[in-house]
């Protein structure tokens, strides 16, 4: 019955001129190349394993349309386009999802390295440094900490950046952002909702954090966060209890100061790129 209705509707519709018709549904999809585009999008989802696949697809198709719009641009646009695309790749999956994250970093490296044609020499230092700056722009890490970290992991503009250095820099920036986020959550616990925490308690917690970081082998950036596991409830409780017994007056520490001190501990442990 439904098929009859379709045929009836098709008969009532004027037939397009020869050579201009789209034909049936299958022919339309074939001519529009929809199947291959959707297939490519699904392959990208499987490759990237994003945390939000639907949002990933929406962003993917939006960028696909924009990339073919032919928008004008100059030297700044030529720099921004590949960096924006590389940034999109490295943000698709959390660094704890190692396979997906590594695949996305490889894709970003290919984008900045002109599709792999410069794989031997690596990505241009200017593009690499710009990518790191953009990663650090959003997050809980203070600007001072981000700037200090970038000075350790970025390269000179004329340098060629090999893949292992590229991955190390990108991963370290993401770990700094997460470290800052966890430090913010920790401060929210310390201030008890008052907006300002006791200074002596904050200093005790920071000292304990420094000891945890110093006692860990931190050659791999991800282990900065693993070191936080040493800050168990018992360890923190003892440090805070000692601080309460020794504190003087009612001095406080702001959230901004706490974050600066905590992230400075992180940056101090980052191995500079030579």
C-alpha atoms as a PDB file:
ATOM      1  CA  UNK A   1       0.000   0.000   0.000  1.00  0.00           C
ATOM      2  CA  UNK A   2       2.779   2.418   0.931  1.00  0.00           C
ATOM      3  CA  UNK A   3       4.630   1.516  -2.245  1.00  0.00           C
ATOM      4  CA  UNK A   4       1.527   2.319  -4.305  1.00  0.00           C
ATOM      5  CA  UNK A   5       1.231   5.697  -2.624  1.00  0.00           C
ATOM      6  CA  UNK A   6       4.858   6.451  -3.440  1.00  0.00           C
ATOM      7  CA  UNK A   7       4.357   5.538  -7.092  1.00  0.00           C
ATOM      8  CA  UNK A   8       1.202   7.633  -7.233  1.00  0.00           C
ATOM      9  CA  UNK A   9       2.978  10.637  -5.742  1.00  0.00           C
ATOM     10  CA  UNK A  10       5.881  10.194  -8.126  1.00  0.00           C
ATOM     11  CA  UNK A  11       3.522  10.079 -11.089  1.00  0.00           C
ATOM     12  CA  UNK A  12       1.886  13.336  -9.979  1.00  0.00           C
ATOM     13  CA  UNK A  13       5.241  15.093  -9.676  1.00  0.00           C
ATOM     14  CA  UNK A  14       6.637  16.733 -12.823  1.00  0.00           C
ATOM     15  CA  UNK A  15       9.560  14.806 -14.254  1.00  0.00           C
ATOM     16  CA  UNK A  16      12.839  16.793 -14.302  1.00  0.00           C
ATOM     17  CA  UNK A  17      14.546  17.498 -17.589  1.00  0.00           C
ATOM     18  CA  UNK A  18      16.757  14.814 -19.048  1.00  0.00           C
ATOM     19  CA  UNK A  19      20.147  14.683 -17.400  1.00  0.00           C
ATOM     20  CA  UNK A  20      18.991  16.786 -14.442  1.00  0.00           C
ATOM     21  CA  UNK A  21      17.048  14.183 -12.461  1.00  0.00           C
ATOM     22  CA  UNK A  22      18.283  12.504  -9.328  1.00  0.00           C
ATOM     23  CA  UNK A  23      16.480   9.244  -9.951  1.00  0.00           C
ATOM     24  CA  UNK A  24      15.462   6.959  -7.129  1.00  0.00           C
ATOM     25  CA  UNK A  25      16.761   7.098  -3.559  1.00  0.00           C
ATOM     26  CA  UNK A  26      19.768   4.871  -4.220  1.00  0.00           C
ATOM     27  CA  UNK A  27      20.836   6.889  -7.237  1.00  0.00           C
ATOM     28  CA  UNK A  28      20.482  10.133  -5.284  1.00  0.00           C
ATOM     29  CA  UNK A  29      22.681   8.848  -2.456  1.00  0.00           C
ATOM     30  CA  UNK A  30      25.217   7.615  -4.996  1.00  0.00           C
ATOM     31  CA  UNK A  31      25.370  10.910  -6.859  1.00  0.00           C
ATOM     32  CA  UNK A  32      25.614  12.921  -3.625  1.00  0.00           C
ATOM     33  CA  UNK A  33      28.338  10.596  -2.343  1.00  0.00           C
ATOM     34  CA  UNK A  34      26.491  10.453   0.972  1.00  0.00           C
ATOM     35  CA  UNK A  35      27.335   6.829   1.670  1.00  0.00           C
ATOM     36  CA  UNK A  36      31.096   7.352   1.456  1.00  0.00           C
ATOM     37  CA  UNK A  37      30.898  10.512   3.610  1.00  0.00           C
ATOM     38  CA  UNK A  38      28.891   8.727   6.309  1.00  0.00           C
ATOM     39  CA  UNK A  39      31.200   5.727   6.125  1.00  0.00           C
ATOM     40  CA  UNK A  40      34.222   7.983   6.596  1.00  0.00           C
ATOM     41  CA  UNK A  41      32.549   9.685   9.565  1.00  0.00           C
ATOM     42  CA  UNK A  42      31.820   6.342  11.224  1.00  0.00           C
ATOM     43  CA  UNK A  43      35.409   5.229  10.677  1.00  0.00           C
ATOM     44  CA  UNK A  44      36.559   8.437  12.372  1.00  0.00           C
ATOM     45  CA  UNK A  45      34.318   7.654  15.351  1.00  0.00           C
ATOM     46  CA  UNK A  46      35.807   4.165  15.660  1.00  0.00           C
ATOM     47  CA  UNK A  47      39.329   5.543  15.306  1.00  0.00           C
ATOM     48  CA  UNK A  48      38.972   8.407  17.784  1.00  0.00           C
ATOM     49  CA  UNK A  49      36.639   6.700  20.311  1.00  0.00           C
ATOM     50  CA  UNK A  50      35.379  10.094  21.571  1.00  0.00           C
ATOM     51  CA  UNK A  51      33.654  10.368  24.936  1.00  0.00           C
ATOM     52  CA  UNK A  52      30.567  11.875  23.224  1.00  0.00           C
ATOM     53  CA  UNK A  53      30.140  10.228  19.792  1.00  0.00           C
ATOM     54  CA  UNK A  54      27.067  12.251  18.776  1.00  0.00           C
ATOM     55  CA  UNK A  55      28.766  15.570  19.514  1.00  0.00           C
ATOM     56  CA  UNK A  56      31.810  14.276  17.674  1.00  0.00           C
ATOM     57  CA  UNK A  57      29.725  13.572  14.544  1.00  0.00           C
ATOM     58  CA  UNK A  58      28.042  16.976  14.713  1.00  0.00           C
ATOM     59  CA  UNK A  59      31.405  18.697  14.973  1.00  0.00           C
ATOM     60  CA  UNK A  60      32.865  16.497  12.253  1.00  0.00           C
ATOM     61  CA  UNK A  61      30.174  17.358   9.705  1.00  0.00           C
ATOM     62  CA  UNK A  62      30.303  21.053  10.624  1.00  0.00           C
ATOM     63  CA  UNK A  63      34.037  21.137   9.996  1.00  0.00           C
ATOM     64  CA  UNK A  64      33.571  19.171   6.791  1.00  0.00           C
ATOM     65  CA  UNK A  65      31.192  21.827   5.491  1.00  0.00           C
ATOM     66  CA  UNK A  66      33.431  24.710   6.587  1.00  0.00           C
ATOM     67  CA  UNK A  67      36.494  23.133   5.006  1.00  0.00           C
ATOM     68  CA  UNK A  68      34.771  23.172   1.631  1.00  0.00           C
ATOM     69  CA  UNK A  69      33.297  26.658   1.911  1.00  0.00           C
ATOM     70  CA  UNK A  70      36.323  28.321   0.350  1.00  0.00           C
ATOM     71  CA  UNK A  71      36.405  31.085   2.933  1.00  0.00           C
ATOM     72  CA  UNK A  72      39.103  33.669   2.243  1.00  0.00           C
ATOM     73  CA  UNK A  73      42.117  33.974   4.489  1.00  0.00           C
ATOM     74  CA  UNK A  74      45.672  35.159   4.703  1.00  0.00           C
ATOM     75  CA  UNK A  75      48.824  34.050   6.469  1.00  0.00           C
ATOM     76  CA  UNK A  76      47.030  33.962   9.828  1.00  0.00           C
ATOM     77  CA  UNK A  77      44.300  31.756   8.369  1.00  0.00           C
ATOM     78  CA  UNK A  78      46.887  29.399   6.905  1.00  0.00           C
ATOM     79  CA  UNK A  79      48.376  29.011  10.383  1.00  0.00           C
ATOM     80  CA  UNK A  80      45.041  28.781  12.178  1.00  0.00           C
ATOM     81  CA  UNK A  81      43.375  26.164   9.979  1.00  0.00           C
ATOM     82  CA  UNK A  82      45.780  23.237  10.557  1.00  0.00           C
ATOM     83  CA  UNK A  83      46.256  24.121  14.232  1.00  0.00           C
ATOM     84  CA  UNK A  84      42.480  24.247  14.791  1.00  0.00           C
ATOM     85  CA  UNK A  85      42.066  20.885  13.131  1.00  0.00           C
ATOM     86  CA  UNK A  86      44.924  19.373  15.140  1.00  0.00           C
ATOM     87  CA  UNK A  87      43.434  20.822  18.348  1.00  0.00           C
ATOM     88  CA  UNK A  88      40.120  19.204  17.474  1.00  0.00           C
ATOM     89  CA  UNK A  89      41.814  15.823  17.127  1.00  0.00           C
ATOM     90  CA  UNK A  90      43.746  15.912  20.403  1.00  0.00           C
ATOM     91  CA  UNK A  91      40.635  16.921  22.362  1.00  0.00           C
ATOM     92  CA  UNK A  92      38.532  14.014  21.121  1.00  0.00           C
ATOM     93  CA  UNK A  93      39.544  11.505  23.803  1.00  0.00           C
ATOM     94  CA  UNK A  94      40.889  11.767  27.346  1.00  0.00           C
ATOM     95  CA  UNK A  95      44.569  10.932  27.709  1.00  0.00           C
ATOM     96  CA  UNK A  96      43.684   8.003  29.981  1.00  0.00           C
ATOM     97  CA  UNK A  97      42.155   6.293  26.917  1.00  0.00           C
ATOM     98  CA  UNK A  98      45.615   5.565  25.627  1.00  0.00           C
ATOM     99  CA  UNK A  99      44.866   3.872  22.314  1.00  0.00           C
ATOM    100  CA  UNK A 100      42.338   6.475  21.177  1.00  0.00           C
ATOM    101  CA  UNK A 101      44.446   9.357  22.483  1.00  0.00           C
ATOM    102  CA  UNK A 102      47.580   8.113  20.734  1.00  0.00           C
ATOM    103  CA  UNK A 103      45.648   7.649  17.476  1.00  0.00           C
ATOM    104  CA  UNK A 104      44.339  11.190  17.725  1.00  0.00           C
ATOM    105  CA  UNK A 105      47.794  12.608  18.440  1.00  0.00           C
ATOM    106  CA  UNK A 106      49.089  10.778  15.361  1.00  0.00           C
ATOM    107  CA  UNK A 107      46.280  12.300  13.298  1.00  0.00           C
ATOM    108  CA  UNK A 108      47.089  15.772  14.653  1.00  0.00           C
ATOM    109  CA  UNK A 109      50.762  15.261  13.842  1.00  0.00           C
ATOM    110  CA  UNK A 110      49.825  14.277  10.289  1.00  0.00           C
ATOM    111  CA  UNK A 111      47.693  17.407   9.932  1.00  0.00           C
ATOM    112  CA  UNK A 112      50.459  19.733  11.084  1.00  0.00           C
ATOM    113  CA  UNK A 113      53.064  17.815   9.093  1.00  0.00           C
ATOM    114  CA  UNK A 114      51.259  18.350   5.771  1.00  0.00           C
ATOM    115  CA  UNK A 115      49.739  14.900   5.581  1.00  0.00           C
ATOM    116  CA  UNK A 116      52.890  13.035   6.492  1.00  0.00           C
ATOM    117  CA  UNK A 117      55.073  14.370   3.672  1.00  0.00           C
ATOM    118  CA  UNK A 118      57.534  15.675   6.293  1.00  0.00           C
ATOM    119  CA  UNK A 119      57.511  12.693   8.609  1.00  0.00           C
ATOM    120  CA  UNK A 120      61.300  12.459   8.628  1.00  0.00           C
ATOM    121  CA  UNK A 121      61.854  16.039   9.661  1.00  0.00           C
ATOM    122  CA  UNK A 122      58.764  16.394  11.844  1.00  0.00           C
ATOM    123  CA  UNK A 123      56.233  19.136  12.464  1.00  0.00           C
ATOM    124  CA  UNK A 124      57.238  22.783  12.265  1.00  0.00           C
ATOM    125  CA  UNK A 125      58.082  24.245  15.691  1.00  0.00           C
ATOM    126  CA  UNK A 126      55.828  27.240  15.106  1.00  0.00           C
ATOM    127  CA  UNK A 127      52.725  25.083  14.614  1.00  0.00           C
ATOM    128  CA  UNK A 128      53.658  22.823  17.518  1.00  0.00           C
ATOM    129  CA  UNK A 129      54.079  25.734  19.929  1.00  0.00           C
ATOM    130  CA  UNK A 130      50.839  27.342  18.789  1.00  0.00           C
ATOM    131  CA  UNK A 131      48.985  24.078  19.395  1.00  0.00           C
ATOM    132  CA  UNK A 132      50.362  23.868  22.934  1.00  0.00           C
ATOM    133  CA  UNK A 133      49.324  27.460  23.638  1.00  0.00           C
ATOM    134  CA  UNK A 134      45.793  26.761  22.499  1.00  0.00           C
ATOM    135  CA  UNK A 135      45.552  23.642  24.634  1.00  0.00           C
ATOM    136  CA  UNK A 136      46.562  25.615  27.723  1.00  0.00           C
ATOM    137  CA  UNK A 137      44.111  28.442  27.061  1.00  0.00           C
ATOM    138  CA  UNK A 138      41.167  26.515  28.497  1.00  0.00           C
ATOM    139  CA  UNK A 139      41.295  24.904  31.906  1.00  0.00           C
ATOM    140  CA  UNK A 140      41.952  25.498  35.581  1.00  0.00           C
ATOM    141  CA  UNK A 141      45.704  26.013  35.291  1.00  0.00           C
ATOM    142  CA  UNK A 142      46.777  29.602  36.095  1.00  0.00           C
ATOM    143  CA  UNK A 143      48.356  31.576  33.260  1.00  0.00           C
ATOM    144  CA  UNK A 144      51.669  31.712  35.105  1.00  0.00           C
ATOM    145  CA  UNK A 145      51.817  27.912  35.329  1.00  0.00           C
ATOM    146  CA  UNK A 146      50.843  27.503  31.678  1.00  0.00           C
ATOM    147  CA  UNK A 147      53.515  29.977  30.578  1.00  0.00           C
ATOM    148  CA  UNK A 148      56.154  28.269  32.712  1.00  0.00           C
ATOM    149  CA  UNK A 149      55.215  24.875  31.298  1.00  0.00           C
ATOM    150  CA  UNK A 150      55.285  26.112  27.701  1.00  0.00           C
ATOM    151  CA  UNK A 151      58.786  27.479  28.237  1.00  0.00           C
ATOM    152  CA  UNK A 152      59.860  23.944  29.119  1.00  0.00           C
ATOM    153  CA  UNK A 153      58.148  21.946  26.367  1.00  0.00           C
ATOM    154  CA  UNK A 154      57.846  24.215  23.331  1.00  0.00           C
ATOM    155  CA  UNK A 155      60.420  24.346  20.517  1.00  0.00           C
ATOM    156  CA  UNK A 156      61.934  27.125  18.432  1.00  0.00           C
ATOM    157  CA  UNK A 157      59.901  28.134  15.407  1.00  0.00           C
ATOM    158  CA  UNK A 158      62.481  26.933  12.901  1.00  0.00           C
ATOM    159  CA  UNK A 159      62.978  23.544  14.578  1.00  0.00           C
ATOM    160  CA  UNK A 160      61.512  20.295  13.307  1.00  0.00           C
ATOM    161  CA  UNK A 161      59.605  18.509  16.071  1.00  0.00           C
ATOM    162  CA  UNK A 162      59.784  14.693  16.035  1.00  0.00           C
ATOM    163  CA  UNK A 163      56.712  12.716  16.989  1.00  0.00           C
ATOM    164  CA  UNK A 164      57.898  11.624  20.450  1.00  0.00           C
ATOM    165  CA  UNK A 165      58.567  15.245  21.452  1.00  0.00           C
ATOM    166  CA  UNK A 166      55.221  16.291  19.953  1.00  0.00           C
ATOM    167  CA  UNK A 167      53.356  13.662  21.959  1.00  0.00           C
ATOM    168  CA  UNK A 168      55.221  14.523  25.170  1.00  0.00           C
ATOM    169  CA  UNK A 169      54.391  18.217  24.882  1.00  0.00           C
ATOM    170  CA  UNK A 170      50.720  17.698  24.067  1.00  0.00           C
ATOM    171  CA  UNK A 171      50.228  15.116  26.816  1.00  0.00           C
ATOM    172  CA  UNK A 172      52.003  17.241  29.425  1.00  0.00           C
ATOM    173  CA  UNK A 173      49.760  20.214  28.667  1.00  0.00           C
ATOM    174  CA  UNK A 174      46.631  18.123  29.122  1.00  0.00           C
ATOM    175  CA  UNK A 175      47.962  16.660  32.365  1.00  0.00           C
ATOM    176  CA  UNK A 176      48.649  20.181  33.658  1.00  0.00           C
ATOM    177  CA  UNK A 177      45.025  21.158  32.971  1.00  0.00           C
ATOM    178  CA  UNK A 178      43.749  18.108  34.814  1.00  0.00           C
ATOM    179  CA  UNK A 179      46.192  18.686  37.650  1.00  0.00           C
ATOM    180  CA  UNK A 180      44.852  22.220  37.992  1.00  0.00           C
ATOM    181  CA  UNK A 181      41.282  20.926  37.977  1.00  0.00           C
ATOM    182  CA  UNK A 182      42.030  18.445  40.755  1.00  0.00           C
ATOM    183  CA  UNK A 183      43.793  21.160  42.764  1.00  0.00           C
ATOM    184  CA  UNK A 184      40.698  23.338  42.457  1.00  0.00           C
ATOM    185  CA  UNK A 185      38.491  20.517  43.745  1.00  0.00           C
ATOM    186  CA  UNK A 186      40.893  19.959  46.630  1.00  0.00           C
ATOM    187  CA  UNK A 187      40.747  23.622  47.588  1.00  0.00           C
ATOM    188  CA  UNK A 188      36.937  23.541  47.525  1.00  0.00           C
ATOM    189  CA  UNK A 189      37.135  20.795  50.128  1.00  0.00           C
ATOM    190  CA  UNK A 190      39.570  22.776  52.259  1.00  0.00           C
ATOM    191  CA  UNK A 191      37.577  26.013  52.279  1.00  0.00           C
ATOM    192  CA  UNK A 192      34.397  24.296  53.421  1.00  0.00           C
ATOM    193  CA  UNK A 193      32.272  26.529  51.206  1.00  0.00           C
ATOM    194  CA  UNK A 194      33.494  29.761  52.813  1.00  0.00           C
ATOM    195  CA  UNK A 195      35.546  30.900  49.809  1.00  0.00           C
ATOM    196  CA  UNK A 196      38.817  31.049  51.768  1.00  0.00           C
ATOM    197  CA  UNK A 197      40.676  28.196  53.430  1.00  0.00           C
ATOM    198  CA  UNK A 198      42.955  28.229  56.452  1.00  0.00           C
ATOM    199  CA  UNK A 199      46.451  29.091  55.269  1.00  0.00           C
ATOM    200  CA  UNK A 200      48.275  26.682  57.558  1.00  0.00           C
ATOM    201  CA  UNK A 201      46.108  23.783  56.349  1.00  0.00           C
ATOM    202  CA  UNK A 202      46.665  24.736  52.711  1.00  0.00           C
ATOM    203  CA  UNK A 203      50.423  24.868  53.233  1.00  0.00           C
ATOM    204  CA  UNK A 204      50.346  21.469  54.935  1.00  0.00           C
ATOM    205  CA  UNK A 205      48.417  19.967  52.011  1.00  0.00           C
ATOM    206  CA  UNK A 206      50.794  21.546  49.477  1.00  0.00           C
ATOM    207  CA  UNK A 207      53.777  20.216  51.395  1.00  0.00           C
ATOM    208  CA  UNK A 208      52.267  16.732  51.379  1.00  0.00           C
ATOM    209  CA  UNK A 209      51.582  17.049  47.644  1.00  0.00           C
ATOM    210  CA  UNK A 210      55.179  18.096  47.016  1.00  0.00           C
ATOM    211  CA  UNK A 211      56.440  15.072  48.930  1.00  0.00           C
ATOM    212  CA  UNK A 212      54.177  12.788  46.888  1.00  0.00           C
ATOM    213  CA  UNK A 213      55.446  14.236  43.624  1.00  0.00           C
ATOM    214  CA  UNK A 214      59.053  14.132  44.738  1.00  0.00           C
ATOM    215  CA  UNK A 215      58.839  10.478  45.738  1.00  0.00           C
ATOM    216  CA  UNK A 216      57.593   9.373  42.316  1.00  0.00           C
ATOM    217  CA  UNK A 217      59.455   8.589  39.133  1.00  0.00           C
ATOM    218  CA  UNK A 218      57.882  11.177  36.853  1.00  0.00           C
ATOM    219  CA  UNK A 219      59.513  10.473  33.511  1.00  0.00           C
ATOM    220  CA  UNK A 220      56.037   9.869  32.064  1.00  0.00           C
ATOM    221  CA  UNK A 221      53.640  12.865  32.314  1.00  0.00           C
ATOM    222  CA  UNK A 222      50.665  10.724  33.328  1.00  0.00           C
ATOM    223  CA  UNK A 223      52.427   9.718  36.533  1.00  0.00           C
ATOM    224  CA  UNK A 224      52.055  13.246  37.859  1.00  0.00           C
ATOM    225  CA  UNK A 225      48.426  12.397  38.471  1.00  0.00           C
ATOM    226  CA  UNK A 226      49.249   8.928  39.752  1.00  0.00           C
ATOM    227  CA  UNK A 227      51.378  10.570  42.423  1.00  0.00           C
ATOM    228  CA  UNK A 228      48.177  12.112  43.750  1.00  0.00           C
ATOM    229  CA  UNK A 229      47.105   8.670  44.886  1.00  0.00           C
ATOM    230  CA  UNK A 230      49.650   9.048  47.669  1.00  0.00           C
ATOM    231  CA  UNK A 231      47.420  11.781  49.066  1.00  0.00           C
ATOM    232  CA  UNK A 232      45.099   9.302  50.721  1.00  0.00           C
ATOM    233  CA  UNK A 233      42.544  10.416  53.318  1.00  0.00           C
ATOM    234  CA  UNK A 234      44.734   9.269  56.229  1.00  0.00           C
ATOM    235  CA  UNK A 235      47.809  11.084  54.943  1.00  0.00           C
ATOM    236  CA  UNK A 236      45.929  14.313  54.363  1.00  0.00           C
ATOM    237  CA  UNK A 237      44.062  14.048  57.647  1.00  0.00           C
ATOM    238  CA  UNK A 238      47.306  13.756  59.613  1.00  0.00           C
ATOM    239  CA  UNK A 239      48.858  16.704  57.801  1.00  0.00           C
ATOM    240  CA  UNK A 240      45.766  18.841  58.331  1.00  0.00           C
ATOM    241  CA  UNK A 241      45.538  17.856  61.996  1.00  0.00           C
ATOM    242  CA  UNK A 242      49.146  18.882  62.609  1.00  0.00           C
ATOM    243  CA  UNK A 243      48.520  22.171  60.810  1.00  0.00           C
ATOM    244  CA  UNK A 244      45.481  22.911  62.964  1.00  0.00           C
ATOM    245  CA  UNK A 245      47.478  22.347  66.125  1.00  0.00           C
ATOM    246  CA  UNK A 246      50.328  24.606  64.985  1.00  0.00           C
ATOM    247  CA  UNK A 247      48.414  27.365  63.208  1.00  0.00           C
ATOM    248  CA  UNK A 248      48.660  30.958  64.301  1.00  0.00           C
ATOM    249  CA  UNK A 249      45.755  33.402  64.287  1.00  0.00           C
ATOM    250  CA  UNK A 250      43.328  32.955  61.410  1.00  0.00           C
ATOM    251  CA  UNK A 251      45.347  33.634  58.253  1.00  0.00           C
ATOM    252  CA  UNK A 252      43.747  32.398  55.041  1.00  0.00           C
ATOM    253  CA  UNK A 253      44.804  31.453  51.522  1.00  0.00           C
ATOM    254  CA  UNK A 254      42.771  32.287  48.434  1.00  0.00           C
ATOM    255  CA  UNK A 255      41.872  29.779  45.748  1.00  0.00           C
ATOM    256  CA  UNK A 256      44.047  31.601  43.213  1.00  0.00           C
ATOM    257  CA  UNK A 257      47.119  31.458  45.452  1.00  0.00           C
ATOM    258  CA  UNK A 258      46.532  27.776  46.202  1.00  0.00           C
ATOM    259  CA  UNK A 259      46.207  26.918  42.497  1.00  0.00           C
ATOM    260  CA  UNK A 260      49.355  28.863  41.643  1.00  0.00           C
ATOM    261  CA  UNK A 261      51.365  27.072  44.315  1.00  0.00           C
ATOM    262  CA  UNK A 262      49.978  23.625  43.435  1.00  0.00           C
ATOM    263  CA  UNK A 263      50.527  23.945  39.690  1.00  0.00           C
ATOM    264  CA  UNK A 264      53.996  25.403  40.280  1.00  0.00           C
ATOM    265  CA  UNK A 265      54.867  22.122  42.004  1.00  0.00           C
ATOM    266  CA  UNK A 266      53.719  20.301  38.894  1.00  0.00           C
ATOM    267  CA  UNK A 267      55.678  22.472  36.457  1.00  0.00           C
ATOM    268  CA  UNK A 268      58.837  22.158  38.539  1.00  0.00           C
ATOM    269  CA  UNK A 269      58.785  18.394  37.938  1.00  0.00           C
ATOM    270  CA  UNK A 270      58.372  18.615  34.149  1.00  0.00           C
ATOM    271  CA  UNK A 271      61.480  17.602  32.247  1.00  0.00           C
ATOM    272  CA  UNK A 272      62.421  20.379  29.803  1.00  0.00           C
ATOM    273  CA  UNK A 273      62.792  19.580  26.117  1.00  0.00           C
ATOM    274  CA  UNK A 274      66.371  20.087  25.041  1.00  0.00           C
END
